[in-house]
């Protein structure tokens, strides 16, 4: 029976599970979880928790920085729960998204254009600091640092468990803030499942030690940063892949061409990584995340589809030291190592959904 939702945020968050051919038998096919905007899970769970614990109240203003996906998610969550929303966005927040955010009641400002990952992130965080000084009652959501963003992803773990009811699983996706791939894997492991977690990062991201590298093309927004993401639990990850724009674009084009899935650059990177991991370990069911649609990458990536490399021509450089990282694609066994710093907070307990 079709469920009637009380708000678009509840309806839009659920992904479409899609079988993606791996080149082997049907039993070896990959599963793509294709979201319209994955971080709605994160934003809804976080805002609910803040309201439940009295840290914020209806009518308060929530503020955060975003390259696009989280901006939409937070605006929808604020609309759902009667909150005000202020977004400090990067230039990847295009006109289509900005108009939606404004109509939803969010105020939006964008930092100056930059192709430098570090400069883009630092400008946004600096601007948030200025706004908070002038508006001390605003609550900074800190999607990059606050562990409450893990909470909403228990439902995604439940979905993966239903799609793959038994046997070992490999989950592949962008590390991002850590509150997506890390959270889903942690909740699955809580259930006793055998889960290999494979994270995907862009070159230039400091989260897993690639800050000394650079992508000659553009940054892949949303899956890595030049600033430390304190809610990433490094010890959850078994393998890491660092993938360039060119390779992510090529894989995203192939995903659309072969499976009809129109998804963003992080999905292309996850698809490429999942295929490689599947070829290395065929005993696991491989699930990869497509966190958003490809709409905002039409001009920067998909319009260049004639330049896409054949999938068979792309292979990772297997490394055993971060000093060996090299564009366009490096892969490494992380083996659930900690980052060498103390955790800021423990993995949060789930709160009741409303």
Protein backbone atom coordinates (compact mmCIF):
# COMPACT_ATOMS: atom_id res chain seq x y z
CA UNK A 1 0.00 0.00 0.00
CA UNK A 2 1.30 3.46 -0.90
CA UNK A 3 2.03 5.57 2.16
CA UNK A 4 0.67 9.12 2.37
CA UNK A 5 3.42 11.40 3.69
CA UNK A 6 2.88 14.46 5.84
CA UNK A 7 5.75 16.38 4.25
CA UNK A 8 7.91 16.19 1.14
CA UNK A 9 10.99 15.71 3.32
CA UNK A 10 9.65 12.33 4.46
CA UNK A 11 8.85 11.26 0.89
CA UNK A 12 11.98 12.54 -0.84
CA UNK A 13 14.48 10.87 1.48
CA UNK A 14 13.82 7.25 0.50
CA UNK A 15 16.28 5.94 -2.12
CA UNK A 16 15.50 3.83 -5.15
CA UNK A 17 17.41 0.52 -4.99
CA UNK A 18 18.58 -0.31 -8.52
CA UNK A 19 20.34 -3.39 -9.84
CA UNK A 20 23.51 -2.44 -11.70
CA UNK A 21 25.22 -5.00 -13.91
CA UNK A 22 28.73 -5.98 -12.88
CA UNK A 23 29.63 -8.03 -15.95
CA UNK A 24 29.22 -11.30 -14.08
CA UNK A 25 26.18 -13.37 -13.23
CA UNK A 26 22.95 -11.65 -12.07
CA UNK A 27 23.72 -12.80 -8.53
CA UNK A 28 26.90 -10.71 -8.66
CA UNK A 29 25.15 -7.49 -9.72
CA UNK A 30 25.81 -4.38 -7.68
CA UNK A 31 23.04 -2.55 -5.83
CA UNK A 32 22.88 1.21 -6.31
CA UNK A 33 20.98 3.19 -3.67
CA UNK A 34 19.97 6.19 -5.74
CA UNK A 35 18.84 9.15 -3.63
CA UNK A 36 17.34 12.38 -4.81
CA UNK A 37 19.02 14.06 -1.85
CA UNK A 38 20.55 11.67 0.68
CA UNK A 39 21.29 14.16 3.43
CA UNK A 40 17.59 14.62 4.18
CA UNK A 41 18.08 11.59 6.47
CA UNK A 42 20.90 13.40 8.23
CA UNK A 43 19.10 16.74 8.54
CA UNK A 44 15.77 15.32 9.70
CA UNK A 45 17.42 13.13 12.33
CA UNK A 46 19.59 15.97 13.61
CA UNK A 47 16.80 18.56 13.81
CA UNK A 48 14.45 16.10 15.53
CA UNK A 49 17.17 15.34 18.10
CA UNK A 50 17.85 19.02 18.76
CA UNK A 51 14.13 19.67 19.30
CA UNK A 52 13.67 16.57 21.49
CA UNK A 53 16.58 17.57 23.73
CA UNK A 54 15.53 21.23 23.96
CA UNK A 55 18.70 22.57 22.37
CA UNK A 56 16.57 24.44 19.84
CA UNK A 57 12.92 25.44 19.70
CA UNK A 58 10.40 25.97 16.86
CA UNK A 59 11.08 29.32 15.22
CA UNK A 60 14.83 29.31 15.96
CA UNK A 61 17.29 29.83 13.10
CA UNK A 62 19.57 26.99 12.05
CA UNK A 63 22.66 27.84 10.00
CA UNK A 64 25.25 25.83 8.10
CA UNK A 65 27.63 25.75 5.16
CA UNK A 66 26.88 23.57 2.15
CA UNK A 67 27.91 22.82 -1.40
CA UNK A 68 24.28 22.00 -2.23
CA UNK A 69 22.92 18.66 -1.01
CA UNK A 70 22.86 19.52 2.68
CA UNK A 71 21.45 22.99 1.96
CA UNK A 72 18.37 21.45 0.37
CA UNK A 73 18.10 18.84 3.12
CA UNK A 74 18.34 21.37 5.95
CA UNK A 75 15.86 23.74 4.29
CA UNK A 76 13.36 20.89 3.98
CA UNK A 77 13.92 19.80 7.60
CA UNK A 78 13.46 23.37 8.83
CA UNK A 79 10.29 23.71 6.76
CA UNK A 80 9.03 20.41 8.19
CA UNK A 81 9.63 21.41 11.83
CA UNK A 82 8.86 25.14 11.72
CA UNK A 83 12.44 26.40 11.94
CA UNK A 84 14.22 29.22 10.13
CA UNK A 85 17.19 28.38 7.94
CA UNK A 86 20.27 30.27 6.77
CA UNK A 87 22.68 28.73 4.25
CA UNK A 88 26.21 29.86 3.45
CA UNK A 89 26.70 28.12 0.13
CA UNK A 90 29.42 27.49 -2.39
CA UNK A 91 29.02 28.44 -6.03
CA UNK A 92 27.80 24.87 -6.75
CA UNK A 93 24.46 26.04 -5.31
CA UNK A 94 22.97 26.82 -8.71
CA UNK A 95 19.98 29.02 -9.56
CA UNK A 96 17.53 26.10 -9.64
CA UNK A 97 18.42 25.08 -6.09
CA UNK A 98 18.72 28.62 -4.80
CA UNK A 99 15.20 29.51 -5.96
CA UNK A 100 13.83 26.41 -4.22
CA UNK A 101 15.66 27.28 -1.00
CA UNK A 102 14.32 30.83 -1.03
CA UNK A 103 10.74 29.73 -1.60
CA UNK A 104 11.10 27.22 1.25
CA UNK A 105 11.94 30.21 3.46
CA UNK A 106 15.70 29.83 3.71
CA UNK A 107 18.03 32.78 3.34
CA UNK A 108 21.00 32.01 1.12
CA UNK A 109 24.35 33.68 0.55
CA UNK A 110 27.22 32.38 -1.52
CA UNK A 111 30.95 32.88 -1.07
CA UNK A 112 33.03 34.13 -4.01
CA UNK A 113 33.85 31.60 -6.71
CA UNK A 114 36.92 29.45 -6.14
CA UNK A 115 38.29 26.28 -7.72
CA UNK A 116 40.51 25.79 -4.67
CA UNK A 117 39.03 23.33 -2.18
CA UNK A 118 40.73 24.89 0.84
CA UNK A 119 39.83 28.46 -0.03
CA UNK A 120 36.19 27.56 -0.75
CA UNK A 121 35.69 25.78 2.58
CA UNK A 122 37.60 28.34 4.63
CA UNK A 123 35.64 31.26 3.19
CA UNK A 124 32.35 29.61 4.07
CA UNK A 125 33.38 28.71 7.63
CA UNK A 126 34.78 32.21 8.18
CA UNK A 127 31.48 33.73 7.01
CA UNK A 128 29.52 31.54 9.42
CA UNK A 129 31.71 32.82 12.26
CA UNK A 130 30.87 36.40 11.30
CA UNK A 131 27.14 35.66 11.19
CA UNK A 132 27.19 33.91 14.58
CA UNK A 133 28.95 36.90 16.16
CA UNK A 134 26.15 39.14 14.94
CA UNK A 135 23.39 36.60 15.69
CA UNK A 136 24.36 34.62 18.82
CA UNK A 137 20.95 32.93 19.04
CA UNK A 138 21.48 31.09 15.73
CA UNK A 139 22.32 27.38 16.05
CA UNK A 140 25.20 26.18 13.87
CA UNK A 141 24.34 22.68 12.64
CA UNK A 142 28.01 21.79 12.02
CA UNK A 143 27.33 18.98 9.57
CA UNK A 144 31.11 18.51 9.37
CA UNK A 145 31.62 18.07 13.12
CA UNK A 146 28.49 17.14 15.08
CA UNK A 147 27.83 13.43 15.62
CA UNK A 148 24.05 13.97 15.70
CA UNK A 149 24.15 13.73 11.91
CA UNK A 150 24.65 9.97 12.25
CA UNK A 151 21.21 9.42 13.78
CA UNK A 152 19.02 9.62 10.68
CA UNK A 153 20.93 6.92 8.80
CA UNK A 154 19.70 4.01 10.91
CA UNK A 155 16.76 3.80 8.49
CA UNK A 156 19.14 3.42 5.54
CA UNK A 157 20.95 0.61 7.36
CA UNK A 158 17.58 -1.09 7.87
CA UNK A 159 16.92 -0.78 4.13
CA UNK A 160 20.31 -2.31 3.23
CA UNK A 161 19.62 -5.15 5.66
CA UNK A 162 16.29 -5.85 3.95
CA UNK A 163 17.84 -5.74 0.46
CA UNK A 164 20.70 -8.05 1.51
CA UNK A 165 19.09 -10.13 4.27
CA UNK A 166 22.07 -12.42 4.76
CA UNK A 167 25.71 -12.81 3.86
CA UNK A 168 28.66 -10.40 3.84
CA UNK A 169 28.17 -6.87 2.47
CA UNK A 170 30.51 -4.26 1.04
CA UNK A 171 29.22 -0.68 1.33
CA UNK A 172 30.87 1.91 -0.95
CA UNK A 173 30.34 5.66 -0.94
CA UNK A 174 31.71 9.12 -0.37
CA UNK A 175 33.13 9.75 3.08
CA UNK A 176 31.78 13.28 3.08
CA UNK A 177 31.20 14.30 6.66
CA UNK A 178 31.37 10.69 7.76
CA UNK A 179 27.73 10.74 8.72
CA UNK A 180 26.52 8.62 5.83
CA UNK A 181 28.74 5.70 4.87
CA UNK A 182 30.18 5.55 8.38
CA UNK A 183 26.77 5.67 10.04
CA UNK A 184 25.16 3.08 7.77
CA UNK A 185 28.04 0.64 8.30
CA UNK A 186 28.04 1.20 12.06
CA UNK A 187 24.31 0.51 12.36
CA UNK A 188 24.64 -2.61 10.19
CA UNK A 189 27.49 -3.88 12.35
CA UNK A 190 25.34 -3.25 15.42
CA UNK A 191 22.99 -5.83 13.92
CA UNK A 192 25.84 -8.33 13.71
CA UNK A 193 26.36 -8.01 9.95
CA UNK A 194 29.73 -8.62 8.29
CA UNK A 195 30.32 -5.26 6.55
CA UNK A 196 33.36 -4.02 4.65
CA UNK A 197 33.23 -0.25 4.41
CA UNK A 198 34.93 1.41 1.43
CA UNK A 199 35.21 5.19 1.51
CA UNK A 200 35.68 7.47 -1.49
CA UNK A 201 37.58 10.77 -1.30
CA UNK A 202 38.67 13.48 -3.74
CA UNK A 203 42.29 14.51 -4.06
CA UNK A 204 43.00 17.51 -1.83
CA UNK A 205 40.86 16.27 1.06
CA UNK A 206 42.62 16.14 4.43
CA UNK A 207 40.17 13.67 6.02
CA UNK A 208 42.23 10.61 5.08
CA UNK A 209 45.54 12.33 4.48
CA UNK A 210 45.37 13.58 0.88
CA UNK A 211 45.74 17.26 1.68
CA UNK A 212 49.13 17.33 -0.06
CA UNK A 213 47.58 16.34 -3.41
CA UNK A 214 45.54 18.27 -5.96
CA UNK A 215 43.13 17.40 -8.74
CA UNK A 216 44.08 19.24 -11.95
CA UNK A 217 40.38 19.51 -12.82
CA UNK A 218 37.56 20.62 -10.49
CA UNK A 219 36.78 19.53 -6.95
CA UNK A 220 34.09 16.92 -6.32
CA UNK A 221 31.86 18.79 -3.92
CA UNK A 222 30.50 17.20 -0.80
CA UNK A 223 32.70 14.12 -0.30
CA UNK A 224 35.87 15.68 1.08
CA UNK A 225 37.43 18.91 2.23
CA UNK A 226 40.59 20.79 3.05
CA UNK A 227 39.26 21.27 6.58
CA UNK A 228 39.10 18.48 9.14
CA UNK A 229 35.74 16.77 9.51
CA UNK A 230 35.61 15.88 13.20
CA UNK A 231 32.63 13.53 12.95
CA UNK A 232 34.45 11.09 10.66
CA UNK A 233 35.16 7.82 12.47
CA UNK A 234 38.25 6.62 10.62
CA UNK A 235 38.20 3.31 12.47
CA UNK A 236 35.01 2.29 10.66
CA UNK A 237 36.68 2.11 7.22
CA UNK A 238 38.30 -0.97 5.68
CA UNK A 239 39.41 0.49 2.33
CA UNK A 240 39.87 3.94 0.82
CA UNK A 241 39.77 5.16 -2.79
CA UNK A 242 40.90 8.61 -3.94
CA UNK A 243 39.43 9.41 -7.38
CA UNK A 244 39.91 12.37 -9.71
CA UNK A 245 37.24 14.41 -11.42
CA UNK A 246 38.11 12.87 -14.80
CA UNK A 247 37.65 9.30 -13.58
CA UNK A 248 34.51 10.12 -11.55
CA UNK A 249 33.00 11.88 -14.57
CA UNK A 250 33.81 8.95 -16.84
CA UNK A 251 32.20 6.48 -14.43
CA UNK A 252 29.12 8.68 -13.91
CA UNK A 253 28.65 8.80 -17.68
CA UNK A 254 29.00 5.00 -17.89
CA UNK A 255 26.49 4.55 -15.04
CA UNK A 256 23.95 6.65 -16.94
CA UNK A 257 24.69 4.97 -20.28
CA UNK A 258 24.53 1.39 -19.01
CA UNK A 259 21.97 1.58 -16.19
CA UNK A 260 19.98 4.76 -16.81
CA UNK A 261 21.01 6.11 -13.40
CA UNK A 262 21.58 9.87 -13.63
CA UNK A 263 23.59 10.71 -10.53
CA UNK A 264 26.35 13.02 -9.35
CA UNK A 265 30.12 12.78 -9.46
CA UNK A 266 30.35 11.15 -6.05
CA UNK A 267 28.09 8.38 -7.39
CA UNK A 268 30.40 7.92 -10.36
CA UNK A 269 33.37 7.61 -8.01
CA UNK A 270 31.49 5.15 -5.79
CA UNK A 271 30.40 3.08 -8.81
CA UNK A 272 33.97 2.89 -10.13
CA UNK A 273 35.27 1.87 -6.68
CA UNK A 274 32.47 -0.68 -6.16
CA UNK A 275 33.22 -2.38 -9.48
CA UNK A 276 36.89 -2.67 -8.54
CA UNK A 277 36.13 -4.01 -5.08
CA UNK A 278 33.65 -6.49 -6.58
CA UNK A 279 36.32 -7.80 -8.94
CA UNK A 280 38.63 -8.28 -5.94
CA UNK A 281 36.05 -9.92 -3.66
CA UNK A 282 33.12 -11.66 -5.33
CA UNK A 283 31.92 -13.25 -2.09
CA UNK A 284 30.31 -10.02 -0.90
CA UNK A 285 27.22 -8.18 -2.11
CA UNK A 286 28.37 -4.71 -3.12
CA UNK A 287 26.11 -1.73 -2.40
CA UNK A 288 27.10 1.77 -3.48
CA UNK A 289 25.53 5.14 -2.73
CA UNK A 290 24.39 7.70 -5.30
CA UNK A 291 23.80 10.63 -2.96
CA UNK A 292 22.15 13.03 -5.43
CA UNK A 293 21.06 13.43 -9.03
CA UNK A 294 23.38 14.60 -11.79
CA UNK A 295 21.47 17.81 -12.43
CA UNK A 296 24.03 20.25 -11.05
CA UNK A 297 26.83 18.53 -12.97
CA UNK A 298 25.25 18.77 -16.43
CA UNK A 299 27.51 21.55 -17.72
CA UNK A 300 30.67 20.76 -15.75
CA UNK A 301 30.64 17.00 -16.30
CA UNK A 302 27.92 15.32 -18.35
CA UNK A 303 28.20 17.77 -21.26
CA UNK A 304 31.74 16.41 -21.64
CA UNK A 305 30.56 12.83 -22.10
CA UNK A 306 32.52 12.48 -25.34
CA UNK A 307 35.70 12.78 -23.24
CA UNK A 308 34.72 9.93 -20.90
CA UNK A 309 37.28 7.16 -20.62
CA UNK A 310 36.25 3.52 -21.17
CA UNK A 311 35.70 1.81 -17.83
CA UNK A 312 38.19 -0.96 -18.66
CA UNK A 313 40.95 1.62 -19.13
CA UNK A 314 40.78 2.85 -15.53
CA UNK A 315 42.62 0.98 -12.79
CA UNK A 316 43.69 2.19 -9.33
CA UNK A 317 47.23 2.50 -8.10
CA UNK A 318 47.33 0.25 -5.04
CA UNK A 319 49.36 1.97 -2.34
CA UNK A 320 50.43 1.13 1.19
CA UNK A 321 51.49 4.63 2.25
CA UNK A 322 49.83 8.04 1.89
CA UNK A 323 53.11 9.34 0.49
CA UNK A 324 52.38 7.24 -2.60
CA UNK A 325 49.05 8.93 -3.37
CA UNK A 326 48.82 9.95 -7.02
CA UNK A 327 46.16 11.26 -9.40
CA UNK A 328 44.01 9.97 -11.05
CA UNK A 329 43.09 7.00 -8.82
CA UNK A 330 44.71 5.50 -5.75
CA UNK A 331 43.40 2.79 -3.44
CA UNK A 332 44.60 1.61 -0.05
CA UNK A 333 43.68 -0.87 2.67
CA UNK A 334 42.81 1.29 5.66
CA UNK A 335 42.10 -1.66 7.99
CA UNK A 336 39.94 0.31 10.44
CA UNK A 337 42.82 2.37 11.75
CA UNK A 338 42.12 5.38 13.93
CA UNK A 339 43.21 8.79 12.76
CA UNK A 340 45.64 9.35 15.62
CA UNK A 341 43.49 11.99 17.32
CA UNK A 342 41.00 11.64 20.17
CA UNK A 343 37.35 11.31 19.30
CA UNK A 344 35.34 14.43 20.09
CA UNK A 345 32.25 12.44 21.04
CA UNK A 346 30.99 8.89 21.16
CA UNK A 347 28.78 7.39 18.49
CA UNK A 348 25.31 8.70 19.37
CA UNK A 349 22.43 6.58 20.55
CA UNK A 350 19.33 6.54 18.41
CA UNK A 351 16.38 8.71 19.37
CA UNK A 352 12.72 7.91 18.72
CA UNK A 353 11.42 9.07 15.36
CA UNK A 354 8.34 11.27 15.24
